[in-house]
Amino acid sequence: MDNIAQVAAKLDIIQRTSLTLYGRYDLNKSIIWMVEEMGEVVAAVRKGKSKEDITGELGDLLAWILCLGNILDIQISEALEQTFTKEVNRQLRQYGCLKYAAQEPGLQSDGSGADLDNA
């Protein structure tokens, strides 16, 4: 598996690509579009739509999240890394290890938090 730095680099490329595709659209309109896309994801899941349909809706939602990052000059990779780090620290405090690591193939937890580099 790629380590977090490699994943972040790929996400940064995707975010730059979204800037090329969508530009820095109006903030308020972008928020509305993002919320609408979130509703479409929820509706697709609740209606039992196909994996392909849900995948498309998730892609649409992610595109608007990336657009918001571009408008607000926030690297989504940094935001995600902060969230992951916060959650790793929370799980280590609460459980002494990553709670779900043993359930996912290829993901190991020794309780040190070092598994982030292999996620």
C-alpha atoms as a PDB file:
ATOM      1  CA  MET A   1       0.000   0.000   0.000  1.00  0.00           C
ATOM      2  CA  ASP A   2       1.060   3.556  -0.608  1.00  0.00           C
ATOM      3  CA  ASN A   3       2.097   5.523   2.425  1.00  0.00           C
ATOM      4  CA  ILE A   4       0.243   8.662   3.457  1.00  0.00           C
ATOM      5  CA  ALA A   5       2.751  10.998   1.772  1.00  0.00           C
ATOM      6  CA  GLN A   6       2.308   9.213  -1.571  1.00  0.00           C
ATOM      7  CA  VAL A   7      -1.459   9.258  -1.252  1.00  0.00           C
ATOM      8  CA  ALA A   8      -1.371  12.955  -0.326  1.00  0.00           C
ATOM      9  CA  ALA A   9       0.766  13.712  -3.385  1.00  0.00           C
ATOM     10  CA  LYS A  10      -1.763  11.950  -5.617  1.00  0.00           C
ATOM     11  CA  LEU A  11      -4.632  13.798  -3.981  1.00  0.00           C
ATOM     12  CA  ASP A  12      -2.804  17.110  -4.530  1.00  0.00           C
ATOM     13  CA  ILE A  13      -2.548  16.282  -8.255  1.00  0.00           C
ATOM     14  CA  ILE A  14      -6.257  15.472  -8.359  1.00  0.00           C
ATOM     15  CA  GLN A  15      -7.058  18.740  -6.576  1.00  0.00           C
ATOM     16  CA  ARG A  16      -4.937  20.726  -9.068  1.00  0.00           C
ATOM     17  CA  THR A  17      -6.745  18.920 -11.891  1.00  0.00           C
ATOM     18  CA  SER A  18     -10.093  19.951 -10.413  1.00  0.00           C
ATOM     19  CA  LEU A  19      -8.866  23.555 -10.392  1.00  0.00           C
ATOM     20  CA  THR A  20      -8.110  23.220 -14.101  1.00  0.00           C
ATOM     21  CA  LEU A  21     -11.551  21.708 -14.779  1.00  0.00           C
ATOM     22  CA  TYR A  22     -13.751  23.840 -12.531  1.00  0.00           C
ATOM     23  CA  GLY A  23     -11.692  26.922 -11.693  1.00  0.00           C
ATOM     24  CA  ARG A  24     -12.495  28.852  -8.533  1.00  0.00           C
ATOM     25  CA  TYR A  25     -16.256  28.844  -8.753  1.00  0.00           C
ATOM     26  CA  ASP A  26     -18.464  31.050  -6.569  1.00  0.00           C
ATOM     27  CA  LEU A  27     -18.194  29.973  -2.907  1.00  0.00           C
ATOM     28  CA  ASN A  28     -21.892  30.117  -2.013  1.00  0.00           C
ATOM     29  CA  LYS A  29     -22.977  28.325  -5.168  1.00  0.00           C
ATOM     30  CA  SER A  30     -20.292  25.692  -4.604  1.00  0.00           C
ATOM     31  CA  ILE A  31     -21.542  25.041  -1.082  1.00  0.00           C
ATOM     32  CA  ILE A  32     -25.066  24.603  -2.424  1.00  0.00           C
ATOM     33  CA  TRP A  33     -23.847  22.201  -5.130  1.00  0.00           C
ATOM     34  CA  MET A  34     -21.818  20.219  -2.591  1.00  0.00           C
ATOM     35  CA  VAL A  35     -24.800  19.867  -0.247  1.00  0.00           C
ATOM     36  CA  GLU A  36     -26.992  18.837  -3.176  1.00  0.00           C
ATOM     37  CA  GLU A  37     -24.466  16.173  -4.160  1.00  0.00           C
ATOM     38  CA  MET A  38     -24.387  14.901  -0.565  1.00  0.00           C
ATOM     39  CA  GLY A  39     -28.156  14.540  -0.738  1.00  0.00           C
ATOM     40  CA  GLU A  40     -27.808  12.577  -3.966  1.00  0.00           C
ATOM     41  CA  VAL A  41     -25.315  10.202  -2.303  1.00  0.00           C
ATOM     42  CA  VAL A  42     -27.692   9.645   0.610  1.00  0.00           C
ATOM     43  CA  ALA A  43     -30.657   9.133  -1.725  1.00  0.00           C
ATOM     44  CA  ALA A  44     -28.727   6.645  -3.876  1.00  0.00           C
ATOM     45  CA  VAL A  45     -27.720   4.602  -0.828  1.00  0.00           C
ATOM     46  CA  ARG A  46     -31.186   4.658   0.738  1.00  0.00           C
ATOM     47  CA  LYS A  47     -32.852   3.657  -2.530  1.00  0.00           C
ATOM     48  CA  GLY A  48     -30.462   0.731  -2.943  1.00  0.00           C
ATOM     49  CA  LYS A  49     -29.036   2.060  -6.197  1.00  0.00           C
ATOM     50  CA  SER A  50     -26.243   0.148  -7.904  1.00  0.00           C
ATOM     51  CA  LYS A  51     -22.645   0.402  -6.781  1.00  0.00           C
ATOM     52  CA  GLU A  52     -21.931   2.143 -10.093  1.00  0.00           C
ATOM     53  CA  ASP A  53     -24.581   4.812  -9.398  1.00  0.00           C
ATOM     54  CA  ILE A  54     -23.352   5.379  -5.844  1.00  0.00           C
ATOM     55  CA  THR A  55     -19.759   5.556  -7.098  1.00  0.00           C
ATOM     56  CA  GLY A  56     -20.769   8.293  -9.528  1.00  0.00           C
ATOM     57  CA  GLU A  57     -22.528  10.257  -6.808  1.00  0.00           C
ATOM     58  CA  LEU A  58     -19.521   9.947  -4.480  1.00  0.00           C
ATOM     59  CA  GLY A  59     -17.303  11.187  -7.308  1.00  0.00           C
ATOM     60  CA  ASP A  60     -19.565  14.202  -7.814  1.00  0.00           C
ATOM     61  CA  LEU A  61     -19.465  14.974  -4.095  1.00  0.00           C
ATOM     62  CA  LEU A  62     -15.687  14.651  -3.969  1.00  0.00           C
ATOM     63  CA  ALA A  63     -15.338  16.982  -6.957  1.00  0.00           C
ATOM     64  CA  TRP A  64     -17.244  19.705  -5.081  1.00  0.00           C
ATOM     65  CA  ILE A  65     -15.192  19.129  -1.929  1.00  0.00           C
ATOM     66  CA  LEU A  66     -12.055  19.619  -4.014  1.00  0.00           C
ATOM     67  CA  CYS A  67     -13.583  22.758  -5.545  1.00  0.00           C
ATOM     68  CA  LEU A  68     -14.265  24.172  -2.092  1.00  0.00           C
ATOM     69  CA  GLY A  69     -10.682  23.442  -1.122  1.00  0.00           C
ATOM     70  CA  ASN A  70      -9.484  25.356  -4.176  1.00  0.00           C
ATOM     71  CA  ILE A  71     -11.806  28.298  -3.532  1.00  0.00           C
ATOM     72  CA  LEU A  72     -10.720  28.498   0.120  1.00  0.00           C
ATOM     73  CA  ASP A  73      -7.043  27.757  -0.683  1.00  0.00           C
ATOM     74  CA  ILE A  74      -7.063  24.609   1.480  1.00  0.00           C
ATOM     75  CA  GLN A  75      -5.163  21.485   0.483  1.00  0.00           C
ATOM     76  CA  ILE A  76      -7.628  18.634   0.949  1.00  0.00           C
ATOM     77  CA  SER A  77      -4.690  16.258   1.495  1.00  0.00           C
ATOM     78  CA  GLU A  78      -3.617  18.300   4.522  1.00  0.00           C
ATOM     79  CA  ALA A  79      -7.179  18.394   5.865  1.00  0.00           C
ATOM     80  CA  LEU A  80      -7.493  14.628   5.462  1.00  0.00           C
ATOM     81  CA  GLU A  81      -4.106  13.955   7.038  1.00  0.00           C
ATOM     82  CA  GLN A  82      -5.094  16.107  10.048  1.00  0.00           C
ATOM     83  CA  THR A  83      -8.360  14.169  10.368  1.00  0.00           C
ATOM     84  CA  PHE A  84      -6.605  10.796  10.142  1.00  0.00           C
ATOM     85  CA  THR A  85      -3.990  11.838  12.692  1.00  0.00           C
ATOM     86  CA  LYS A  86      -6.681  13.071  15.074  1.00  0.00           C
ATOM     87  CA  GLU A  87      -8.601   9.786  14.713  1.00  0.00           C
ATOM     88  CA  VAL A  88      -5.482   7.627  15.161  1.00  0.00           C
ATOM     89  CA  ASN A  89      -4.643   9.506  18.341  1.00  0.00           C
ATOM     90  CA  ARG A  90      -8.222   9.149  19.589  1.00  0.00           C
ATOM     91  CA  GLN A  91      -8.289   5.403  18.949  1.00  0.00           C
ATOM     92  CA  LEU A  92      -4.875   4.909  20.539  1.00  0.00           C
ATOM     93  CA  ARG A  93      -6.024   6.769  23.657  1.00  0.00           C
ATOM     94  CA  GLN A  94      -9.359   4.966  23.818  1.00  0.00           C
ATOM     95  CA  TYR A  95      -8.434   1.429  22.699  1.00  0.00           C
ATOM     96  CA  GLY A  96      -4.629   1.260  22.878  1.00  0.00           C
ATOM     97  CA  CYS A  97      -4.513   0.336  19.178  1.00  0.00           C
ATOM     98  CA  LEU A  98      -6.302   1.075  15.929  1.00  0.00           C
ATOM     99  CA  LYS A  99      -9.688  -0.507  16.545  1.00  0.00           C
ATOM    100  CA  TYR A 100     -10.366  -1.688  12.991  1.00  0.00           C
ATOM    101  CA  ALA A 101      -6.822  -2.450  11.799  1.00  0.00           C
ATOM    102  CA  ALA A 102      -7.110  -6.189  12.427  1.00  0.00           C
ATOM    103  CA  GLN A 103     -10.294  -6.294  10.329  1.00  0.00           C
ATOM    104  CA  GLU A 104      -8.689  -4.895   7.175  1.00  0.00           C
ATOM    105  CA  PRO A 105      -6.259  -6.986   5.097  1.00  0.00           C
ATOM    106  CA  GLY A 106      -2.801  -5.431   4.961  1.00  0.00           C
ATOM    107  CA  LEU A 107      -3.457  -3.024   7.818  1.00  0.00           C
ATOM    108  CA  GLN A 108      -1.628  -3.792  11.038  1.00  0.00           C
ATOM    109  CA  SER A 109      -1.621  -1.969  14.347  1.00  0.00           C
ATOM    110  CA  ASP A 110       1.071  -2.303  16.962  1.00  0.00           C
ATOM    111  CA  GLY A 111      -0.461   0.486  19.029  1.00  0.00           C
ATOM    112  CA  SER A 112       2.251   2.970  18.057  1.00  0.00           C
ATOM    113  CA  GLY A 113       0.339   4.774  15.328  1.00  0.00           C
ATOM    114  CA  ALA A 114       3.119   3.827  12.912  1.00  0.00           C
ATOM    115  CA  ASP A 115       0.592   2.078  10.690  1.00  0.00           C
ATOM    116  CA  LEU A 116      -0.342   5.469   9.261  1.00  0.00           C
ATOM    117  CA  ASP A 117       2.755   5.258   7.087  1.00  0.00           C
ATOM    118  CA  ASN A 118       1.443   2.033   5.590  1.00  0.00           C
ATOM    119  CA  ALA A 119      -2.190   3.058   5.185  1.00  0.00           C
END
